[in-house]
């Protein structure tokens, strides 16, 4: 396997890993934040 292809595979793997981690971490925080605003301030969840 040549070095260029190996670099592309590694960079692509890290990009996929980081985007997946970002989604898995940010989604629960966003849901909790929206529920908190609904309870504390009466702001609709979908706004």
C-alpha atoms as a PDB file:
ATOM      1  CA  UNK A   1       0.000   0.000   0.000  1.00  0.00           C
ATOM      2  CA  UNK A   2       1.494   3.342  -0.932  1.00  0.00           C
ATOM      3  CA  UNK A   3       2.027   6.192   1.539  1.00  0.00           C
ATOM      4  CA  UNK A   4      -0.525   8.548  -0.100  1.00  0.00           C
ATOM      5  CA  UNK A   5      -3.348   6.059   0.185  1.00  0.00           C
ATOM      6  CA  UNK A   6      -2.393   5.279   3.770  1.00  0.00           C
ATOM      7  CA  UNK A   7      -2.494   8.987   4.688  1.00  0.00           C
ATOM      8  CA  UNK A   8      -5.923   9.372   3.076  1.00  0.00           C
ATOM      9  CA  UNK A   9      -7.253   6.400   5.026  1.00  0.00           C
ATOM     10  CA  UNK A  10      -5.876   7.727   8.316  1.00  0.00           C
ATOM     11  CA  UNK A  11      -7.168  11.283   7.758  1.00  0.00           C
ATOM     12  CA  UNK A  12     -10.580   9.998   6.674  1.00  0.00           C
ATOM     13  CA  UNK A  13     -10.753   7.712   9.686  1.00  0.00           C
ATOM     14  CA  UNK A  14      -9.995  10.551  12.092  1.00  0.00           C
ATOM     15  CA  UNK A  15     -12.530  12.827  10.393  1.00  0.00           C
ATOM     16  CA  UNK A  16     -15.234  10.178  10.771  1.00  0.00           C
ATOM     17  CA  UNK A  17     -14.254   9.471  14.370  1.00  0.00           C
ATOM     18  CA  UNK A  18     -14.309  13.125  15.428  1.00  0.00           C
ATOM     19  CA  UNK A  19     -17.609  13.880  13.705  1.00  0.00           C
ATOM     20  CA  UNK A  20     -19.212  10.831  15.331  1.00  0.00           C
ATOM     21  CA  UNK A  21     -17.890  11.795  18.773  1.00  0.00           C
ATOM     22  CA  UNK A  22     -19.152  15.370  18.332  1.00  0.00           C
ATOM     23  CA  UNK A  23     -22.660  14.179  17.471  1.00  0.00           C
ATOM     24  CA  UNK A  24     -22.746  11.621  20.309  1.00  0.00           C
ATOM     25  CA  UNK A  25     -21.636  14.205  22.871  1.00  0.00           C
ATOM     26  CA  UNK A  26     -23.571  17.269  21.689  1.00  0.00           C
ATOM     27  CA  UNK A  27     -26.974  15.630  21.115  1.00  0.00           C
ATOM     28  CA  UNK A  28     -27.658  14.705  24.788  1.00  0.00           C
ATOM     29  CA  UNK A  29     -26.484  18.153  25.939  1.00  0.00           C
ATOM     30  CA  UNK A  30     -28.805  19.851  23.455  1.00  0.00           C
ATOM     31  CA  UNK A  31     -31.785  17.786  24.599  1.00  0.00           C
ATOM     32  CA  UNK A  32     -31.046  18.498  28.276  1.00  0.00           C
ATOM     33  CA  UNK A  33     -30.612  22.223  27.522  1.00  0.00           C
ATOM     34  CA  UNK A  34     -33.969  22.394  25.723  1.00  0.00           C
ATOM     35  CA  UNK A  35     -35.755  20.583  28.565  1.00  0.00           C
ATOM     36  CA  UNK A  36     -34.123  22.918  31.100  1.00  0.00           C
ATOM     37  CA  UNK A  37     -35.279  26.004  29.185  1.00  0.00           C
ATOM     38  CA  UNK A  38     -38.794  24.557  28.948  1.00  0.00           C
ATOM     39  CA  UNK A  39     -39.009  23.944  32.692  1.00  0.00           C
ATOM     40  CA  UNK A  40     -37.178  27.044  33.937  1.00  0.00           C
ATOM     41  CA  UNK A  41     -38.334  29.707  31.499  1.00  0.00           C
ATOM     42  CA  UNK A  42     -41.379  28.281  29.742  1.00  0.00           C
ATOM     43  CA  UNK A  43     -39.770  28.517  26.288  1.00  0.00           C
ATOM     44  CA  UNK A  44     -41.223  25.979  23.822  1.00  0.00           C
ATOM     45  CA  UNK A  45     -38.926  23.037  23.105  1.00  0.00           C
ATOM     46  CA  UNK A  46     -39.118  23.478  19.332  1.00  0.00           C
ATOM     47  CA  UNK A  47     -38.122  27.149  19.385  1.00  0.00           C
END
